Amino acid sequence: MRKILSLLLSLVLFLSLASFATAETSLPSVAVVVAGGLGDRSFYDSANGGLEMLKAEGIHGTVIECKNDGSLFEQSLISAAENFDFVVAVGWEFWEPLEIVAPELPDTKFIFVDNELTGIDNIYAITYAENQGSFLVGYIAAKLSETGMIGAVGGEDNTTINNFMTGYKQGAAYANPDIKVEISYTADYEDPAKGKEHALALYDKGADVVFQVAGKTGEGVFEAAAEKGKYAIGVDSDQKYINPDVIICSMVKEVGKSIYDAVMAYATDETFPGGTAWNADMASGFISIAYGDDTMTQQVPDALKAEVEDLAAKIIAGEIVVETTR
C-alpha cells in the first residue's frame, strides 16, 4: 500500500511539473528593438516599460538599441527574429527594414509601433492618436500663455511628429484664435543640447510655453524653460517629475501598455491580427494628459483641468474632430 501511495504521489508530482513546464514554454518570447536608445524618459523608455510588464508575467524578453544608426535597423530585426517569437519594432525608422525582413521570416510575429504598415500577414501595426492629446495640451498652453505665443520643438519634420503639431495648433486655436504657434525641428532625438538651443530660440521670440516632441533631445527644452523662467510640456510619458517647476503637464500615449496588451492577447488566446493596424486613441484610454502627482507644483488650475476633461469627452464623443496627418 505504501509503495502504491508513493507511486501515486510521484505521478501527481510529475504531471504537475509537466503542466507547469508546458505553461511556461507556451509563453512567447519578446525582443523590443528601438530605433534610438533607452534613457529618454519618454517614448523608448515607455516601450521598455511594456517589456518589463511582460517579464512580470513570466515572458522572456530583451531590448535591442540601435542608437539611431540606420545600418543596424535591418540586421537588428533579423537577429531578434532568430531568437524570439515576437519582435517589437519601435520607431517609424523601421518601415522599410520591416518591409524587407518580415516577409522573409513568416514564422516571426512583428509588432510595428508608431506607424501604419498594413498588408503583411506577420506584422501588426500600432499607431496612436497623439493628435488628440496634443489638442488638449495646445489648449492648455494657449490658455496659460501671457505673451500670445507658444511653441513646440519636434525631433523631425515627418508625418508622425507633425501629427502632434497638427493637434497642438488646433487645440491652441480652439482656446485662442489669435494665438501664435511657432514650430522648430531639431533633426535629432538624442541630443538635449540641440533641444535646448531650439527652445531658447523660441523663448527669445516670445513663446512662454514650449511643447517638446523630440525624445531625449526634448529634455533640453526643460533646461531652457528653467533657464528662462518659462513653461514646458512633456510628451509620451508623464515627465513632470523631471522638473515640476517648469513642466506644467505631459501628453501621454501608453506605448508600453499597448505592447503589453498586444503580446498578452496572443499569449492568452493566440490572437494576432497580422496585416492590420490598431489606432490606440483617447476613447480606448491610451491617450491622456498627466499633471504629475499632488506633491508637485500645479501650474494648471483645477478649473482649466476641468475644461480639459470636458474637451476630452467631446473628442471621444466625436463632437470635436481633431485633424490628423495620418
C-alpha atoms as a PDB file:
ATOM      1  CA  MET A   1       0.000   0.000   0.000  1.00  0.00           C
ATOM      2  CA  ARG A   2       2.809   2.375   0.924  1.00  0.00           C
ATOM      3  CA  LYS A   3       4.508   1.630  -2.431  1.00  0.00           C
ATOM      4  CA  ILE A   4       1.268   2.365  -4.318  1.00  0.00           C
ATOM      5  CA  LEU A   5       0.831   5.707  -2.487  1.00  0.00           C
ATOM      6  CA  SER A   6       4.417   6.592  -3.256  1.00  0.00           C
ATOM      7  CA  LEU A   7       3.875   5.837  -6.947  1.00  0.00           C
ATOM      8  CA  LEU A   8       0.676   7.885  -6.989  1.00  0.00           C
ATOM      9  CA  LEU A   9       2.397  10.873  -5.352  1.00  0.00           C
ATOM     10  CA  SER A  10       5.253  10.604  -7.842  1.00  0.00           C
ATOM     11  CA  LEU A  11       2.767  10.554 -10.718  1.00  0.00           C
ATOM     12  CA  VAL A  12       0.927  13.631  -9.390  1.00  0.00           C
ATOM     13  CA  LEU A  13       4.228  15.482  -8.966  1.00  0.00           C
ATOM     14  CA  PHE A  14       5.326  14.505 -12.484  1.00  0.00           C
ATOM     15  CA  LEU A  15       2.043  15.687 -14.004  1.00  0.00           C
ATOM     16  CA  SER A  16       2.205  18.949 -12.064  1.00  0.00           C
ATOM     17  CA  LEU A  17       5.730  19.678 -13.270  1.00  0.00           C
ATOM     18  CA  ALA A  18       4.816  18.728 -16.813  1.00  0.00           C
ATOM     19  CA  SER A  19       1.834  21.061 -16.706  1.00  0.00           C
ATOM     20  CA  PHE A  20       3.983  23.860 -15.293  1.00  0.00           C
ATOM     21  CA  ALA A  21       6.638  23.342 -17.950  1.00  0.00           C
ATOM     22  CA  THR A  22       4.014  23.376 -20.696  1.00  0.00           C
ATOM     23  CA  ALA A  23       2.527  26.618 -19.352  1.00  0.00           C
ATOM     24  CA  GLU A  24       5.972  28.180 -19.154  1.00  0.00           C
ATOM     25  CA  THR A  25       7.083  27.190 -22.632  1.00  0.00           C
ATOM     26  CA  SER A  26       3.758  28.268 -24.190  1.00  0.00           C
ATOM     27  CA  LEU A  27       4.512  31.879 -23.371  1.00  0.00           C
ATOM     28  CA  PRO A  28       6.008  33.759 -26.337  1.00  0.00           C
ATOM     29  CA  SER A  29       9.402  35.397 -26.047  1.00  0.00           C
ATOM     30  CA  VAL A  30       9.742  39.066 -26.979  1.00  0.00           C
ATOM     31  CA  ALA A  31      12.506  41.323 -28.302  1.00  0.00           C
ATOM     32  CA  VAL A  32      11.880  45.064 -28.301  1.00  0.00           C
ATOM     33  CA  VAL A  33      14.057  46.780 -30.914  1.00  0.00           C
ATOM     34  CA  VAL A  34      14.225  50.573 -30.546  1.00  0.00           C
ATOM     35  CA  ALA A  35      15.482  52.864 -33.274  1.00  0.00           C
ATOM     36  CA  GLY A  36      17.134  55.125 -30.735  1.00  0.00           C
ATOM     37  CA  GLY A  37      18.249  54.342 -27.197  1.00  0.00           C
ATOM     38  CA  LEU A  38      16.842  53.927 -23.722  1.00  0.00           C
ATOM     39  CA  GLY A  39      17.122  56.718 -21.194  1.00  0.00           C
ATOM     40  CA  ASP A  40      14.876  59.227 -22.957  1.00  0.00           C
ATOM     41  CA  ARG A  41      12.344  59.061 -20.089  1.00  0.00           C
ATOM     42  CA  SER A  42       9.720  59.186 -22.811  1.00  0.00           C
ATOM     43  CA  PHE A  43       8.927  57.097 -25.930  1.00  0.00           C
ATOM     44  CA  TYR A  44      11.598  54.374 -25.815  1.00  0.00           C
ATOM     45  CA  ASP A  45      11.507  54.051 -22.051  1.00  0.00           C
ATOM     46  CA  SER A  46       7.742  53.625 -22.248  1.00  0.00           C
ATOM     47  CA  ALA A  47       8.220  50.758 -24.713  1.00  0.00           C
ATOM     48  CA  ASN A  48      10.725  49.188 -22.344  1.00  0.00           C
ATOM     49  CA  GLY A  49       8.188  49.595 -19.553  1.00  0.00           C
ATOM     50  CA  GLY A  50       5.826  47.420 -21.565  1.00  0.00           C
ATOM     51  CA  LEU A  51       8.528  44.763 -21.820  1.00  0.00           C
ATOM     52  CA  GLU A  52       9.059  44.883 -18.064  1.00  0.00           C
ATOM     53  CA  MET A  53       5.333  44.315 -17.584  1.00  0.00           C
ATOM     54  CA  LEU A  54       5.563  41.273 -19.854  1.00  0.00           C
ATOM     55  CA  LYS A  55       8.558  39.957 -17.915  1.00  0.00           C
ATOM     56  CA  ALA A  56       6.488  40.208 -14.760  1.00  0.00           C
ATOM     57  CA  GLU A  57       4.060  37.771 -16.432  1.00  0.00           C
ATOM     58  CA  GLY A  58       6.892  35.275 -16.912  1.00  0.00           C
ATOM     59  CA  ILE A  59       7.703  36.177 -20.507  1.00  0.00           C
ATOM     60  CA  HIS A  60      11.351  36.102 -21.569  1.00  0.00           C
ATOM     61  CA  GLY A  61      12.428  39.293 -23.323  1.00  0.00           C
ATOM     62  CA  THR A  62      15.190  41.729 -24.130  1.00  0.00           C
ATOM     63  CA  VAL A  63      15.783  45.201 -25.596  1.00  0.00           C
ATOM     64  CA  ILE A  64      17.998  45.947 -28.587  1.00  0.00           C
ATOM     65  CA  GLU A  65      19.058  49.584 -29.018  1.00  0.00           C
ATOM     66  CA  CYS A  66      20.011  50.830 -32.495  1.00  0.00           C
ATOM     67  CA  LYS A  67      21.104  54.286 -31.273  1.00  0.00           C
ATOM     68  CA  ASN A  68      19.733  55.856 -34.496  1.00  0.00           C
ATOM     69  CA  ASP A  69      22.307  54.003 -36.581  1.00  0.00           C
ATOM     70  CA  GLY A  70      20.442  53.171 -39.789  1.00  0.00           C
ATOM     71  CA  SER A  71      22.954  50.477 -40.691  1.00  0.00           C
ATOM     72  CA  LEU A  72      21.743  48.459 -37.676  1.00  0.00           C
ATOM     73  CA  PHE A  73      17.998  48.532 -38.296  1.00  0.00           C
ATOM     74  CA  GLU A  74      17.616  45.600 -40.668  1.00  0.00           C
ATOM     75  CA  GLN A  75      20.201  43.339 -39.032  1.00  0.00           C
ATOM     76  CA  SER A  76      18.797  44.020 -35.564  1.00  0.00           C
ATOM     77  CA  LEU A  77      15.376  42.848 -36.714  1.00  0.00           C
ATOM     78  CA  ILE A  78      16.866  39.697 -38.239  1.00  0.00           C
ATOM     79  CA  SER A  79      18.929  38.890 -35.143  1.00  0.00           C
ATOM     80  CA  ALA A  80      15.907  39.392 -32.901  1.00  0.00           C
ATOM     81  CA  ALA A  81      13.717  37.220 -35.120  1.00  0.00           C
ATOM     82  CA  GLU A  82      16.231  34.381 -34.967  1.00  0.00           C
ATOM     83  CA  ASN A  83      15.902  34.204 -31.193  1.00  0.00           C
ATOM     84  CA  PHE A  84      12.447  35.477 -30.232  1.00  0.00           C
ATOM     85  CA  ASP A  85       8.829  34.721 -31.122  1.00  0.00           C
ATOM     86  CA  PHE A  86       7.779  38.384 -31.155  1.00  0.00           C
ATOM     87  CA  VAL A  87       9.831  41.297 -32.438  1.00  0.00           C
ATOM     88  CA  VAL A  88       8.532  44.734 -31.486  1.00  0.00           C
ATOM     89  CA  ALA A  89       9.992  47.425 -33.756  1.00  0.00           C
ATOM     90  CA  VAL A  90       9.717  50.821 -32.054  1.00  0.00           C
ATOM     91  CA  GLY A  91      10.057  53.829 -34.324  1.00  0.00           C
ATOM     92  CA  TRP A  92       8.985  54.936 -37.797  1.00  0.00           C
ATOM     93  CA  GLU A  93      12.548  54.250 -38.994  1.00  0.00           C
ATOM     94  CA  PHE A  94      11.759  50.532 -39.233  1.00  0.00           C
ATOM     95  CA  TRP A  95       9.210  50.916 -42.043  1.00  0.00           C
ATOM     96  CA  GLU A  96      11.471  49.918 -44.954  1.00  0.00           C
ATOM     97  CA  PRO A  97      13.507  47.342 -42.988  1.00  0.00           C
ATOM     98  CA  LEU A  98      10.294  45.619 -41.915  1.00  0.00           C
ATOM     99  CA  GLU A  99       9.001  45.515 -45.484  1.00  0.00           C
ATOM    100  CA  ILE A 100      12.157  43.608 -46.381  1.00  0.00           C
ATOM    101  CA  VAL A 101      12.628  41.409 -43.311  1.00  0.00           C
ATOM    102  CA  ALA A 102       9.099  40.383 -42.264  1.00  0.00           C
ATOM    103  CA  PRO A 103       8.085  38.546 -45.474  1.00  0.00           C
ATOM    104  CA  GLU A 104      11.322  36.563 -45.327  1.00  0.00           C
ATOM    105  CA  LEU A 105      10.612  35.466 -41.735  1.00  0.00           C
ATOM    106  CA  PRO A 106       6.934  34.439 -41.780  1.00  0.00           C
ATOM    107  CA  ASP A 107       7.196  32.431 -38.534  1.00  0.00           C
ATOM    108  CA  THR A 108       8.094  35.537 -36.537  1.00  0.00           C
ATOM    109  CA  LYS A 109       5.362  37.891 -35.383  1.00  0.00           C
ATOM    110  CA  PHE A 110       6.267  41.558 -35.694  1.00  0.00           C
ATOM    111  CA  ILE A 111       4.637  44.467 -33.909  1.00  0.00           C
ATOM    112  CA  PHE A 112       5.387  47.831 -35.502  1.00  0.00           C
ATOM    113  CA  VAL A 113       4.961  50.702 -33.069  1.00  0.00           C
ATOM    114  CA  ASP A 114       4.024  54.194 -34.265  1.00  0.00           C
ATOM    115  CA  ASN A 115       3.330  53.629 -37.966  1.00  0.00           C
ATOM    116  CA  GLU A 116       0.521  52.113 -40.005  1.00  0.00           C
ATOM    117  CA  LEU A 117       2.213  49.467 -42.109  1.00  0.00           C
ATOM    118  CA  THR A 118      -0.509  47.031 -43.200  1.00  0.00           C
ATOM    119  CA  GLY A 119      -0.902  44.199 -45.674  1.00  0.00           C
ATOM    120  CA  ILE A 120       1.927  41.981 -44.419  1.00  0.00           C
ATOM    121  CA  ASP A 121       0.477  38.945 -42.618  1.00  0.00           C
ATOM    122  CA  ASN A 122       3.025  38.762 -39.796  1.00  0.00           C
ATOM    123  CA  ILE A 123       3.092  42.493 -38.957  1.00  0.00           C
ATOM    124  CA  TYR A 124       0.617  44.056 -36.536  1.00  0.00           C
ATOM    125  CA  ALA A 125       0.934  47.835 -36.557  1.00  0.00           C
ATOM    126  CA  ILE A 126       0.071  50.110 -33.639  1.00  0.00           C
ATOM    127  CA  THR A 127      -0.466  53.823 -34.185  1.00  0.00           C
ATOM    128  CA  TYR A 128      -1.608  56.395 -31.653  1.00  0.00           C
ATOM    129  CA  ALA A 129      -3.994  59.324 -31.731  1.00  0.00           C
ATOM    130  CA  GLU A 130      -1.325  61.674 -30.418  1.00  0.00           C
ATOM    131  CA  ASN A 131      -3.114  64.464 -32.283  1.00  0.00           C
ATOM    132  CA  GLN A 132      -5.990  64.151 -29.798  1.00  0.00           C
ATOM    133  CA  GLY A 133      -3.791  64.515 -26.724  1.00  0.00           C
ATOM    134  CA  SER A 134      -1.793  67.262 -28.402  1.00  0.00           C
ATOM    135  CA  PHE A 135      -5.032  69.179 -28.991  1.00  0.00           C
ATOM    136  CA  LEU A 136      -5.540  69.241 -25.236  1.00  0.00           C
ATOM    137  CA  VAL A 137      -2.023  70.376 -24.337  1.00  0.00           C
ATOM    138  CA  GLY A 138      -2.234  73.015 -27.073  1.00  0.00           C
ATOM    139  CA  TYR A 139      -5.409  74.242 -25.412  1.00  0.00           C
ATOM    140  CA  ILE A 140      -3.666  74.359 -22.024  1.00  0.00           C
ATOM    141  CA  ALA A 141      -0.628  76.170 -23.452  1.00  0.00           C
ATOM    142  CA  ALA A 142      -2.757  78.831 -25.129  1.00  0.00           C
ATOM    143  CA  LYS A 143      -4.868  79.351 -22.016  1.00  0.00           C
ATOM    144  CA  LEU A 144      -1.797  79.836 -19.825  1.00  0.00           C
ATOM    145  CA  SER A 145       0.190  81.945 -22.283  1.00  0.00           C
ATOM    146  CA  GLU A 146       0.659  85.559 -21.295  1.00  0.00           C
ATOM    147  CA  THR A 147       2.535  86.578 -24.448  1.00  0.00           C
ATOM    148  CA  GLY A 148       0.083  85.262 -27.017  1.00  0.00           C
ATOM    149  CA  MET A 149       2.757  82.981 -28.446  1.00  0.00           C
ATOM    150  CA  ILE A 150       3.562  79.334 -27.755  1.00  0.00           C
ATOM    151  CA  GLY A 151       5.994  76.912 -29.356  1.00  0.00           C
ATOM    152  CA  ALA A 152       6.920  73.300 -29.970  1.00  0.00           C
ATOM    153  CA  VAL A 153      10.197  71.503 -30.613  1.00  0.00           C
ATOM    154  CA  GLY A 154       9.949  68.417 -32.833  1.00  0.00           C
ATOM    155  CA  GLY A 155      12.595  65.797 -33.373  1.00  0.00           C
ATOM    156  CA  GLU A 156      11.925  65.633 -37.091  1.00  0.00           C
ATOM    157  CA  ASP A 157       9.691  67.116 -39.776  1.00  0.00           C
ATOM    158  CA  ASN A 158       7.733  63.957 -40.614  1.00  0.00           C
ATOM    159  CA  THR A 159       4.204  62.535 -40.577  1.00  0.00           C
ATOM    160  CA  THR A 160       4.315  61.170 -37.018  1.00  0.00           C
ATOM    161  CA  ILE A 161       5.811  64.264 -35.386  1.00  0.00           C
ATOM    162  CA  ASN A 162       3.513  66.530 -37.383  1.00  0.00           C
ATOM    163  CA  ASN A 163       0.521  64.593 -36.089  1.00  0.00           C
ATOM    164  CA  PHE A 164       1.420  66.043 -32.688  1.00  0.00           C
ATOM    165  CA  MET A 165       1.909  69.509 -34.169  1.00  0.00           C
ATOM    166  CA  THR A 166      -1.408  69.482 -36.041  1.00  0.00           C
ATOM    167  CA  GLY A 167      -3.368  68.691 -32.905  1.00  0.00           C
ATOM    168  CA  TYR A 168      -1.324  71.149 -30.838  1.00  0.00           C
ATOM    169  CA  LYS A 169      -2.041  74.035 -33.201  1.00  0.00           C
ATOM    170  CA  GLN A 170      -5.730  73.160 -33.493  1.00  0.00           C
ATOM    171  CA  GLY A 171      -6.162  72.973 -29.716  1.00  0.00           C
ATOM    172  CA  ALA A 172      -4.328  76.252 -29.227  1.00  0.00           C
ATOM    173  CA  ALA A 173      -6.572  77.981 -31.787  1.00  0.00           C
ATOM    174  CA  TYR A 174      -9.635  76.480 -30.084  1.00  0.00           C
ATOM    175  CA  ALA A 175      -8.562  78.230 -26.878  1.00  0.00           C
ATOM    176  CA  ASN A 176      -7.480  81.465 -28.524  1.00  0.00           C
ATOM    177  CA  PRO A 177      -7.989  82.123 -32.260  1.00  0.00           C
ATOM    178  CA  ASP A 178      -5.306  84.821 -32.123  1.00  0.00           C
ATOM    179  CA  ILE A 179      -2.588  82.638 -30.582  1.00  0.00           C
ATOM    180  CA  LYS A 180       0.690  82.375 -32.483  1.00  0.00           C
ATOM    181  CA  VAL A 181       2.329  78.932 -32.649  1.00  0.00           C
ATOM    182  CA  GLU A 182       5.988  78.537 -33.640  1.00  0.00           C
ATOM    183  CA  ILE A 183       7.393  75.106 -34.547  1.00  0.00           C
ATOM    184  CA  SER A 184      11.088  74.197 -34.617  1.00  0.00           C
ATOM    185  CA  TYR A 185      12.639  70.880 -35.732  1.00  0.00           C
ATOM    186  CA  THR A 186      15.959  69.595 -34.400  1.00  0.00           C
ATOM    187  CA  ALA A 187      16.508  66.660 -36.813  1.00  0.00           C
ATOM    188  CA  ASP A 188      17.696  64.712 -33.761  1.00  0.00           C
ATOM    189  CA  TYR A 189      16.179  62.637 -30.947  1.00  0.00           C
ATOM    190  CA  GLU A 190      19.273  62.020 -28.831  1.00  0.00           C
ATOM    191  CA  ASP A 191      20.878  65.449 -28.234  1.00  0.00           C
ATOM    192  CA  PRO A 192      19.474  67.571 -25.359  1.00  0.00           C
ATOM    193  CA  ALA A 193      21.871  70.400 -26.304  1.00  0.00           C
ATOM    194  CA  LYS A 194      20.045  70.793 -29.615  1.00  0.00           C
ATOM    195  CA  GLY A 195      16.708  70.737 -27.866  1.00  0.00           C
ATOM    196  CA  LYS A 196      17.830  73.473 -25.522  1.00  0.00           C
ATOM    197  CA  GLU A 197      19.176  75.569 -28.401  1.00  0.00           C
ATOM    198  CA  HIS A 198      15.897  75.361 -30.324  1.00  0.00           C
ATOM    199  CA  ALA A 199      13.789  76.023 -27.242  1.00  0.00           C
ATOM    200  CA  LEU A 200      15.870  79.042 -26.217  1.00  0.00           C
ATOM    201  CA  ALA A 201      15.310  80.493 -29.691  1.00  0.00           C
ATOM    202  CA  LEU A 202      11.549  80.035 -29.298  1.00  0.00           C
ATOM    203  CA  TYR A 203      11.512  81.604 -25.851  1.00  0.00           C
ATOM    204  CA  ASP A 204      13.583  84.514 -27.148  1.00  0.00           C
ATOM    205  CA  LYS A 205      10.996  85.044 -29.898  1.00  0.00           C
ATOM    206  CA  GLY A 206       8.308  85.444 -27.263  1.00  0.00           C
ATOM    207  CA  ALA A 207       6.945  81.967 -26.632  1.00  0.00           C
ATOM    208  CA  ASP A 208       6.241  81.327 -22.971  1.00  0.00           C
ATOM    209  CA  VAL A 209       5.162  77.667 -23.256  1.00  0.00           C
ATOM    210  CA  VAL A 210       7.015  75.072 -25.391  1.00  0.00           C
ATOM    211  CA  PHE A 211       5.862  71.514 -26.095  1.00  0.00           C
ATOM    212  CA  GLN A 212       8.677  69.004 -26.559  1.00  0.00           C
ATOM    213  CA  VAL A 213       8.183  66.205 -29.106  1.00  0.00           C
ATOM    214  CA  ALA A 214      11.775  65.143 -29.558  1.00  0.00           C
ATOM    215  CA  GLY A 215      12.582  62.214 -27.288  1.00  0.00           C
ATOM    216  CA  LYS A 216      15.791  62.666 -25.326  1.00  0.00           C
ATOM    217  CA  THR A 217      16.571  65.813 -27.328  1.00  0.00           C
ATOM    218  CA  GLY A 218      13.457  67.282 -25.763  1.00  0.00           C
ATOM    219  CA  GLU A 219      14.987  67.221 -22.299  1.00  0.00           C
ATOM    220  CA  GLY A 220      16.914  70.281 -23.427  1.00  0.00           C
ATOM    221  CA  VAL A 221      13.575  72.076 -23.695  1.00  0.00           C
ATOM    222  CA  PHE A 222      13.106  71.594 -19.967  1.00  0.00           C
ATOM    223  CA  GLU A 223      16.579  73.018 -19.321  1.00  0.00           C
ATOM    224  CA  ALA A 224      15.800  76.052 -21.465  1.00  0.00           C
ATOM    225  CA  ALA A 225      12.469  76.583 -19.694  1.00  0.00           C
ATOM    226  CA  ALA A 226      14.203  76.551 -16.306  1.00  0.00           C
ATOM    227  CA  GLU A 227      16.870  78.949 -17.543  1.00  0.00           C
ATOM    228  CA  LYS A 228      14.315  81.393 -18.952  1.00  0.00           C
ATOM    229  CA  GLY A 229      11.730  81.028 -16.199  1.00  0.00           C
ATOM    230  CA  LYS A 230       9.138  79.770 -18.725  1.00  0.00           C
ATOM    231  CA  TYR A 231       6.911  76.722 -19.085  1.00  0.00           C
ATOM    232  CA  ALA A 232       7.337  73.430 -20.958  1.00  0.00           C
ATOM    233  CA  ILE A 233       5.134  70.429 -21.787  1.00  0.00           C
ATOM    234  CA  GLY A 234       6.304  66.810 -21.725  1.00  0.00           C
ATOM    235  CA  VAL A 235       5.499  64.009 -24.136  1.00  0.00           C
ATOM    236  CA  ASP A 236       4.678  60.280 -24.335  1.00  0.00           C
ATOM    237  CA  SER A 237       5.155  59.679 -20.572  1.00  0.00           C
ATOM    238  CA  ASP A 238       4.328  61.761 -17.508  1.00  0.00           C
ATOM    239  CA  GLN A 239       7.535  63.812 -17.437  1.00  0.00           C
ATOM    240  CA  LYS A 240       6.621  66.370 -14.806  1.00  0.00           C
ATOM    241  CA  TYR A 241       8.865  64.727 -12.219  1.00  0.00           C
ATOM    242  CA  ILE A 242      11.906  65.762 -14.277  1.00  0.00           C
ATOM    243  CA  ASN A 243      11.335  69.413 -13.304  1.00  0.00           C
ATOM    244  CA  PRO A 244       7.966  70.077 -11.623  1.00  0.00           C
ATOM    245  CA  ASP A 245       8.622  73.823 -11.538  1.00  0.00           C
ATOM    246  CA  VAL A 246       8.577  74.266 -15.318  1.00  0.00           C
ATOM    247  CA  ILE A 247       6.810  71.190 -16.767  1.00  0.00           C
ATOM    248  CA  ILE A 248       3.132  72.015 -16.490  1.00  0.00           C
ATOM    249  CA  CYS A 249       1.744  68.769 -17.945  1.00  0.00           C
ATOM    250  CA  SER A 250       2.524  65.951 -20.376  1.00  0.00           C
ATOM    251  CA  MET A 251       0.751  64.401 -23.353  1.00  0.00           C
ATOM    252  CA  VAL A 252       0.830  60.688 -22.563  1.00  0.00           C
ATOM    253  CA  LYS A 253       0.498  57.841 -25.023  1.00  0.00           C
ATOM    254  CA  GLU A 254       0.599  54.405 -23.460  1.00  0.00           C
ATOM    255  CA  VAL A 255       3.215  52.789 -25.698  1.00  0.00           C
ATOM    256  CA  GLY A 256       4.224  50.241 -23.081  1.00  0.00           C
ATOM    257  CA  LYS A 257       0.667  49.211 -22.260  1.00  0.00           C
ATOM    258  CA  SER A 258      -0.191  48.811 -25.950  1.00  0.00           C
ATOM    259  CA  ILE A 259       2.776  46.470 -26.443  1.00  0.00           C
ATOM    260  CA  TYR A 260       1.815  44.545 -23.316  1.00  0.00           C
ATOM    261  CA  ASP A 261      -1.808  44.181 -24.446  1.00  0.00           C
ATOM    262  CA  ALA A 262      -0.851  43.044 -27.952  1.00  0.00           C
ATOM    263  CA  VAL A 263       1.528  40.335 -26.740  1.00  0.00           C
ATOM    264  CA  MET A 264      -0.717  39.169 -23.905  1.00  0.00           C
ATOM    265  CA  ALA A 265      -3.668  38.836 -26.288  1.00  0.00           C
ATOM    266  CA  TYR A 266      -1.620  36.277 -28.191  1.00  0.00           C
ATOM    267  CA  ALA A 267      -0.338  34.611 -25.020  1.00  0.00           C
ATOM    268  CA  THR A 268      -3.930  34.284 -23.798  1.00  0.00           C
ATOM    269  CA  ASP A 269      -5.796  33.084 -26.874  1.00  0.00           C
ATOM    270  CA  GLU A 270      -3.350  33.322 -29.788  1.00  0.00           C
ATOM    271  CA  THR A 271      -4.980  36.494 -31.086  1.00  0.00           C
ATOM    272  CA  PHE A 272      -2.646  38.180 -33.580  1.00  0.00           C
ATOM    273  CA  PRO A 273      -4.354  40.414 -36.150  1.00  0.00           C
ATOM    274  CA  GLY A 274      -1.437  40.428 -38.580  1.00  0.00           C
ATOM    275  CA  GLY A 275      -1.771  42.599 -41.653  1.00  0.00           C
ATOM    276  CA  THR A 276      -3.856  45.176 -39.801  1.00  0.00           C
ATOM    277  CA  ALA A 277      -3.299  48.329 -37.750  1.00  0.00           C
ATOM    278  CA  TRP A 278      -4.765  49.462 -34.446  1.00  0.00           C
ATOM    279  CA  ASN A 279      -5.069  53.158 -33.661  1.00  0.00           C
ATOM    280  CA  ALA A 280      -4.795  53.491 -29.878  1.00  0.00           C
ATOM    281  CA  ASP A 281      -6.815  56.600 -29.120  1.00  0.00           C
ATOM    282  CA  MET A 282      -8.301  58.609 -26.290  1.00  0.00           C
ATOM    283  CA  ALA A 283     -11.528  56.593 -26.280  1.00  0.00           C
ATOM    284  CA  SER A 284      -9.624  53.371 -25.577  1.00  0.00           C
ATOM    285  CA  GLY A 285      -7.663  55.011 -22.763  1.00  0.00           C
ATOM    286  CA  PHE A 286      -4.273  55.021 -24.466  1.00  0.00           C
ATOM    287  CA  ILE A 287      -4.048  58.816 -24.828  1.00  0.00           C
ATOM    288  CA  SER A 288      -4.301  61.140 -21.836  1.00  0.00           C
ATOM    289  CA  ILE A 289      -2.962  64.234 -20.104  1.00  0.00           C
ATOM    290  CA  ALA A 290      -0.850  63.918 -16.940  1.00  0.00           C
ATOM    291  CA  TYR A 291       0.000  66.543 -14.342  1.00  0.00           C
ATOM    292  CA  GLY A 292       2.400  64.656 -12.093  1.00  0.00           C
ATOM    293  CA  ASP A 293       1.191  63.983  -8.570  1.00  0.00           C
ATOM    294  CA  ASP A 294      -0.212  66.092  -5.742  1.00  0.00           C
ATOM    295  CA  THR A 295       3.216  66.647  -4.189  1.00  0.00           C
ATOM    296  CA  MET A 296       4.317  68.620  -7.274  1.00  0.00           C
ATOM    297  CA  THR A 297       3.699  72.246  -8.146  1.00  0.00           C
ATOM    298  CA  GLN A 298       0.488  72.514 -10.179  1.00  0.00           C
ATOM    299  CA  GLN A 299       0.575  75.383 -12.662  1.00  0.00           C
ATOM    300  CA  VAL A 300      -2.638  74.248 -14.371  1.00  0.00           C
ATOM    301  CA  PRO A 301      -5.555  75.355 -12.172  1.00  0.00           C
ATOM    302  CA  ASP A 302      -8.358  72.927 -11.352  1.00  0.00           C
ATOM    303  CA  ALA A 303     -10.845  74.929 -13.413  1.00  0.00           C
ATOM    304  CA  LEU A 304      -8.675  74.546 -16.518  1.00  0.00           C
ATOM    305  CA  LYS A 305      -8.193  70.831 -15.824  1.00  0.00           C
ATOM    306  CA  ALA A 306     -11.987  70.509 -15.730  1.00  0.00           C
ATOM    307  CA  GLU A 307     -12.211  72.270 -19.108  1.00  0.00           C
ATOM    308  CA  VAL A 308      -9.680  69.805 -20.489  1.00  0.00           C
ATOM    309  CA  GLU A 309     -11.742  66.871 -19.216  1.00  0.00           C
ATOM    310  CA  ASP A 310     -14.816  68.297 -20.952  1.00  0.00           C
ATOM    311  CA  LEU A 311     -12.879  68.709 -24.193  1.00  0.00           C
ATOM    312  CA  ALA A 312     -11.587  65.132 -23.932  1.00  0.00           C
ATOM    313  CA  ALA A 313     -15.164  63.903 -23.556  1.00  0.00           C
ATOM    314  CA  LYS A 314     -16.168  65.850 -26.670  1.00  0.00           C
ATOM    315  CA  ILE A 315     -13.286  64.359 -28.634  1.00  0.00           C
ATOM    316  CA  ILE A 316     -14.256  60.850 -27.527  1.00  0.00           C
ATOM    317  CA  ALA A 317     -17.895  61.530 -28.442  1.00  0.00           C
ATOM    318  CA  GLY A 318     -16.901  62.869 -31.865  1.00  0.00           C
ATOM    319  CA  GLU A 319     -18.185  66.368 -31.127  1.00  0.00           C
ATOM    320  CA  ILE A 320     -14.667  67.692 -31.732  1.00  0.00           C
ATOM    321  CA  VAL A 321     -12.815  66.127 -34.643  1.00  0.00           C
ATOM    322  CA  VAL A 322      -9.073  66.615 -34.330  1.00  0.00           C
ATOM    323  CA  GLU A 323      -7.184  66.982 -37.596  1.00  0.00           C
ATOM    324  CA  THR A 324      -4.500  64.414 -38.359  1.00  0.00           C
ATOM    325  CA  THR A 325      -1.568  63.879 -40.699  1.00  0.00           C
ATOM    326  CA  ARG A 326      -2.086  60.108 -40.796  1.00  0.00           C
END
